[in-house]
Amino acid sequence: MYGTDPFTAVVTLSLSFLQIFLAIYLCDSYDQWYFYVIAYVVGATATHALFLSIHEITHFLAFENQKLNYALAMTANLPIMAPYCVSFKEYHFDHHVYLGVEGYDTDLPTKTEALLFNNVLGKVIFW
């Protein structure tokens, strides 16, 4: 919260390499029970941690240098597969600039979203 922490890079790179290693190591085991356990427990946890890492990196909290932060965010995004980190930065910036302002804060649902996705079925469809 009070400056950069290069250890973020160590954690991020470790998680990225873990995900890539598991993908290569387990690529022929999709018909085994342990594949799903590892994918759900290790893979999902690592992916969520990488999303959080990208959030921190978006705030330039890994390095002082913006290009290093950008490169680290791209590396963290590799195992996630969806090209997420670049667009996240823009939307997240809007979230901070327009915090709580309806129609501008990208983390607030619009009135239509609130009406359509206010139950479990709606949230599943939205997801």
C-alpha atoms as a PDB file:
ATOM      1  CA  MET A   1       0.000   0.000   0.000  1.00  0.00           C
ATOM      2  CA  TYR A   2       2.920   2.324   0.531  1.00  0.00           C
ATOM      3  CA  GLY A   3       5.160   1.814  -2.463  1.00  0.00           C
ATOM      4  CA  THR A   4       6.560  -0.819  -4.739  1.00  0.00           C
ATOM      5  CA  ASP A   5       7.371  -4.365  -3.683  1.00  0.00           C
ATOM      6  CA  PRO A   6       9.592  -6.325  -6.074  1.00  0.00           C
ATOM      7  CA  PHE A   7       8.594  -9.547  -4.265  1.00  0.00           C
ATOM      8  CA  THR A   8       5.338  -9.204  -6.221  1.00  0.00           C
ATOM      9  CA  ALA A   9       7.377 -10.089  -9.311  1.00  0.00           C
ATOM     10  CA  VAL A  10       8.793 -13.199  -7.637  1.00  0.00           C
ATOM     11  CA  VAL A  11       5.318 -14.427  -6.679  1.00  0.00           C
ATOM     12  CA  THR A  12       3.849 -13.541 -10.070  1.00  0.00           C
ATOM     13  CA  LEU A  13       6.595 -15.265 -12.042  1.00  0.00           C
ATOM     14  CA  SER A  14       6.440 -18.322  -9.781  1.00  0.00           C
ATOM     15  CA  LEU A  15       2.695 -18.652 -10.277  1.00  0.00           C
ATOM     16  CA  SER A  16       2.988 -18.148 -14.031  1.00  0.00           C
ATOM     17  CA  PHE A  17       5.683 -20.787 -14.341  1.00  0.00           C
ATOM     18  CA  LEU A  18       3.705 -23.144 -12.079  1.00  0.00           C
ATOM     19  CA  GLN A  19       0.657 -22.830 -14.327  1.00  0.00           C
ATOM     20  CA  ILE A  20       2.681 -23.396 -17.495  1.00  0.00           C
ATOM     21  CA  PHE A  21       4.549 -26.340 -15.948  1.00  0.00           C
ATOM     22  CA  LEU A  22       1.295 -27.982 -14.817  1.00  0.00           C
ATOM     23  CA  ALA A  23      -0.250 -27.480 -18.249  1.00  0.00           C
ATOM     24  CA  ILE A  24       2.681 -29.223 -19.907  1.00  0.00           C
ATOM     25  CA  TYR A  25       3.046 -31.916 -17.242  1.00  0.00           C
ATOM     26  CA  LEU A  26      -0.649 -32.791 -17.111  1.00  0.00           C
ATOM     27  CA  CYS A  27      -1.524 -32.382 -20.804  1.00  0.00           C
ATOM     28  CA  ASP A  28      -1.958 -36.141 -21.330  1.00  0.00           C
ATOM     29  CA  SER A  29      -3.720 -36.859 -18.027  1.00  0.00           C
ATOM     30  CA  TYR A  30      -7.106 -35.274 -18.692  1.00  0.00           C
ATOM     31  CA  ASP A  31      -8.755 -38.678 -18.255  1.00  0.00           C
ATOM     32  CA  GLN A  32      -7.333 -39.168 -14.742  1.00  0.00           C
ATOM     33  CA  TRP A  33      -9.110 -38.059 -11.564  1.00  0.00           C
ATOM     34  CA  TYR A  34      -6.070 -36.177 -10.207  1.00  0.00           C
ATOM     35  CA  PHE A  35      -6.021 -33.936 -13.299  1.00  0.00           C
ATOM     36  CA  TYR A  36      -9.317 -32.343 -12.203  1.00  0.00           C
ATOM     37  CA  VAL A  37      -8.300 -32.067  -8.574  1.00  0.00           C
ATOM     38  CA  ILE A  38      -5.034 -30.329  -9.484  1.00  0.00           C
ATOM     39  CA  ALA A  39      -6.768 -28.127 -12.066  1.00  0.00           C
ATOM     40  CA  TYR A  40      -9.451 -27.074  -9.593  1.00  0.00           C
ATOM     41  CA  VAL A  41      -7.387 -26.685  -6.445  1.00  0.00           C
ATOM     42  CA  VAL A  42      -3.977 -25.571  -7.725  1.00  0.00           C
ATOM     43  CA  GLY A  43      -4.916 -24.129 -11.101  1.00  0.00           C
ATOM     44  CA  ALA A  44      -7.909 -22.101 -10.003  1.00  0.00           C
ATOM     45  CA  THR A  45      -6.088 -20.765  -6.940  1.00  0.00           C
ATOM     46  CA  ALA A  46      -3.043 -19.786  -8.993  1.00  0.00           C
ATOM     47  CA  THR A  47      -5.219 -18.157 -11.658  1.00  0.00           C
ATOM     48  CA  HIS A  48      -7.074 -16.115  -9.056  1.00  0.00           C
ATOM     49  CA  ALA A  49      -3.769 -15.069  -7.506  1.00  0.00           C
ATOM     50  CA  LEU A  50      -2.556 -13.998 -10.961  1.00  0.00           C
ATOM     51  CA  PHE A  51      -5.677 -11.855 -11.406  1.00  0.00           C
ATOM     52  CA  LEU A  52      -4.875 -10.183  -8.076  1.00  0.00           C
ATOM     53  CA  SER A  53      -1.268  -9.808  -9.144  1.00  0.00           C
ATOM     54  CA  ILE A  54      -2.337  -8.054 -12.327  1.00  0.00           C
ATOM     55  CA  HIS A  55      -4.440  -5.718 -10.200  1.00  0.00           C
ATOM     56  CA  GLU A  56      -1.440  -4.805  -8.053  1.00  0.00           C
ATOM     57  CA  ILE A  57       0.818  -4.455 -11.087  1.00  0.00           C
ATOM     58  CA  THR A  58      -1.762  -2.152 -12.715  1.00  0.00           C
ATOM     59  CA  HIS A  59      -1.192   0.194  -9.784  1.00  0.00           C
ATOM     60  CA  PHE A  60       2.580   0.022 -10.564  1.00  0.00           C
ATOM     61  CA  LEU A  61       3.279  -1.663  -7.237  1.00  0.00           C
ATOM     62  CA  ALA A  62       5.814  -4.229  -8.444  1.00  0.00           C
ATOM     63  CA  PHE A  63       8.456  -1.898  -9.892  1.00  0.00           C
ATOM     64  CA  GLU A  64       9.086   1.820 -10.188  1.00  0.00           C
ATOM     65  CA  ASN A  65       9.555   1.382 -13.937  1.00  0.00           C
ATOM     66  CA  GLN A  66       6.242   1.305 -15.835  1.00  0.00           C
ATOM     67  CA  LYS A  67       7.628  -0.831 -18.672  1.00  0.00           C
ATOM     68  CA  LEU A  68       8.748  -3.504 -16.211  1.00  0.00           C
ATOM     69  CA  ASN A  69       5.292  -3.474 -14.628  1.00  0.00           C
ATOM     70  CA  TYR A  70       3.709  -3.806 -18.063  1.00  0.00           C
ATOM     71  CA  ALA A  71       5.981  -6.731 -18.991  1.00  0.00           C
ATOM     72  CA  LEU A  72       5.232  -8.448 -15.672  1.00  0.00           C
ATOM     73  CA  ALA A  73       1.484  -7.993 -16.183  1.00  0.00           C
ATOM     74  CA  MET A  74       1.760  -9.549 -19.647  1.00  0.00           C
ATOM     75  CA  THR A  75       3.713 -12.472 -18.172  1.00  0.00           C
ATOM     76  CA  ALA A  76       1.076 -12.936 -15.474  1.00  0.00           C
ATOM     77  CA  ASN A  77      -1.576 -12.919 -18.180  1.00  0.00           C
ATOM     78  CA  LEU A  78       0.018 -15.737 -20.236  1.00  0.00           C
ATOM     79  CA  PRO A  79      -1.447 -18.670 -18.254  1.00  0.00           C
ATOM     80  CA  ILE A  80      -4.859 -16.986 -18.073  1.00  0.00           C
ATOM     81  CA  MET A  81      -5.122 -17.138 -21.882  1.00  0.00           C
ATOM     82  CA  ALA A  82      -7.715 -14.360 -22.223  1.00  0.00           C
ATOM     83  CA  PRO A  83      -5.977 -11.081 -23.150  1.00  0.00           C
ATOM     84  CA  TYR A  84      -7.070  -9.358 -19.990  1.00  0.00           C
ATOM     85  CA  CYS A  85      -4.348  -7.196 -18.460  1.00  0.00           C
ATOM     86  CA  VAL A  86      -4.254  -4.391 -21.035  1.00  0.00           C
ATOM     87  CA  SER A  87      -7.983  -3.668 -21.046  1.00  0.00           C
ATOM     88  CA  PHE A  88      -8.196  -4.165 -17.271  1.00  0.00           C
ATOM     89  CA  LYS A  89      -5.831  -1.244 -16.751  1.00  0.00           C
ATOM     90  CA  GLU A  90      -8.109   1.136 -18.642  1.00  0.00           C
ATOM     91  CA  TYR A  91     -11.329  -0.011 -16.979  1.00  0.00           C
ATOM     92  CA  HIS A  92      -9.734  -0.077 -13.559  1.00  0.00           C
ATOM     93  CA  PHE A  93      -8.421   3.448 -14.038  1.00  0.00           C
ATOM     94  CA  ASP A  94     -11.988   4.592 -14.806  1.00  0.00           C
ATOM     95  CA  HIS A  95     -13.155   2.806 -11.663  1.00  0.00           C
ATOM     96  CA  HIS A  96     -10.757   4.882  -9.551  1.00  0.00           C
ATOM     97  CA  VAL A  97     -11.454   8.173 -11.336  1.00  0.00           C
ATOM     98  CA  TYR A  98     -15.254   7.802 -11.153  1.00  0.00           C
ATOM     99  CA  LEU A  99     -15.498   5.822  -7.911  1.00  0.00           C
ATOM    100  CA  GLY A 100     -19.164   5.325  -7.068  1.00  0.00           C
ATOM    101  CA  VAL A 101     -20.477   7.442  -9.969  1.00  0.00           C
ATOM    102  CA  GLU A 102     -23.294   5.530 -11.617  1.00  0.00           C
ATOM    103  CA  GLY A 103     -22.762   5.048 -15.337  1.00  0.00           C
ATOM    104  CA  TYR A 104     -19.028   5.787 -15.145  1.00  0.00           C
ATOM    105  CA  ASP A 105     -17.626   3.530 -12.405  1.00  0.00           C
ATOM    106  CA  THR A 106     -16.962   0.298 -14.296  1.00  0.00           C
ATOM    107  CA  ASP A 107     -17.354  -1.779 -11.108  1.00  0.00           C
ATOM    108  CA  LEU A 108     -20.951  -0.685 -10.580  1.00  0.00           C
ATOM    109  CA  PRO A 109     -23.704  -2.501 -12.454  1.00  0.00           C
ATOM    110  CA  THR A 110     -25.950  -0.453 -14.699  1.00  0.00           C
ATOM    111  CA  LYS A 111     -29.669  -0.359 -13.891  1.00  0.00           C
ATOM    112  CA  THR A 112     -30.330  -2.914 -16.624  1.00  0.00           C
ATOM    113  CA  GLU A 113     -27.628  -5.249 -15.294  1.00  0.00           C
ATOM    114  CA  ALA A 114     -29.003  -4.912 -11.777  1.00  0.00           C
ATOM    115  CA  LEU A 115     -32.475  -5.899 -12.990  1.00  0.00           C
ATOM    116  CA  LEU A 116     -31.372  -8.764 -15.239  1.00  0.00           C
ATOM    117  CA  PHE A 117     -28.646 -10.311 -13.113  1.00  0.00           C
ATOM    118  CA  ASN A 118     -30.019 -10.102  -9.582  1.00  0.00           C
ATOM    119  CA  ASN A 119     -30.487 -13.851  -9.031  1.00  0.00           C
ATOM    120  CA  VAL A 120     -28.410 -17.004  -9.388  1.00  0.00           C
ATOM    121  CA  LEU A 121     -29.633 -17.826 -12.909  1.00  0.00           C
ATOM    122  CA  GLY A 122     -28.974 -14.279 -14.096  1.00  0.00           C
ATOM    123  CA  LYS A 123     -25.484 -14.326 -12.611  1.00  0.00           C
ATOM    124  CA  VAL A 124     -24.725 -17.640 -14.306  1.00  0.00           C
ATOM    125  CA  ILE A 125     -25.866 -16.207 -17.643  1.00  0.00           C
ATOM    126  CA  PHE A 126     -23.809 -13.048 -17.054  1.00  0.00           C
ATOM    127  CA  TRP A 127     -20.766 -15.139 -16.190  1.00  0.00           C
END
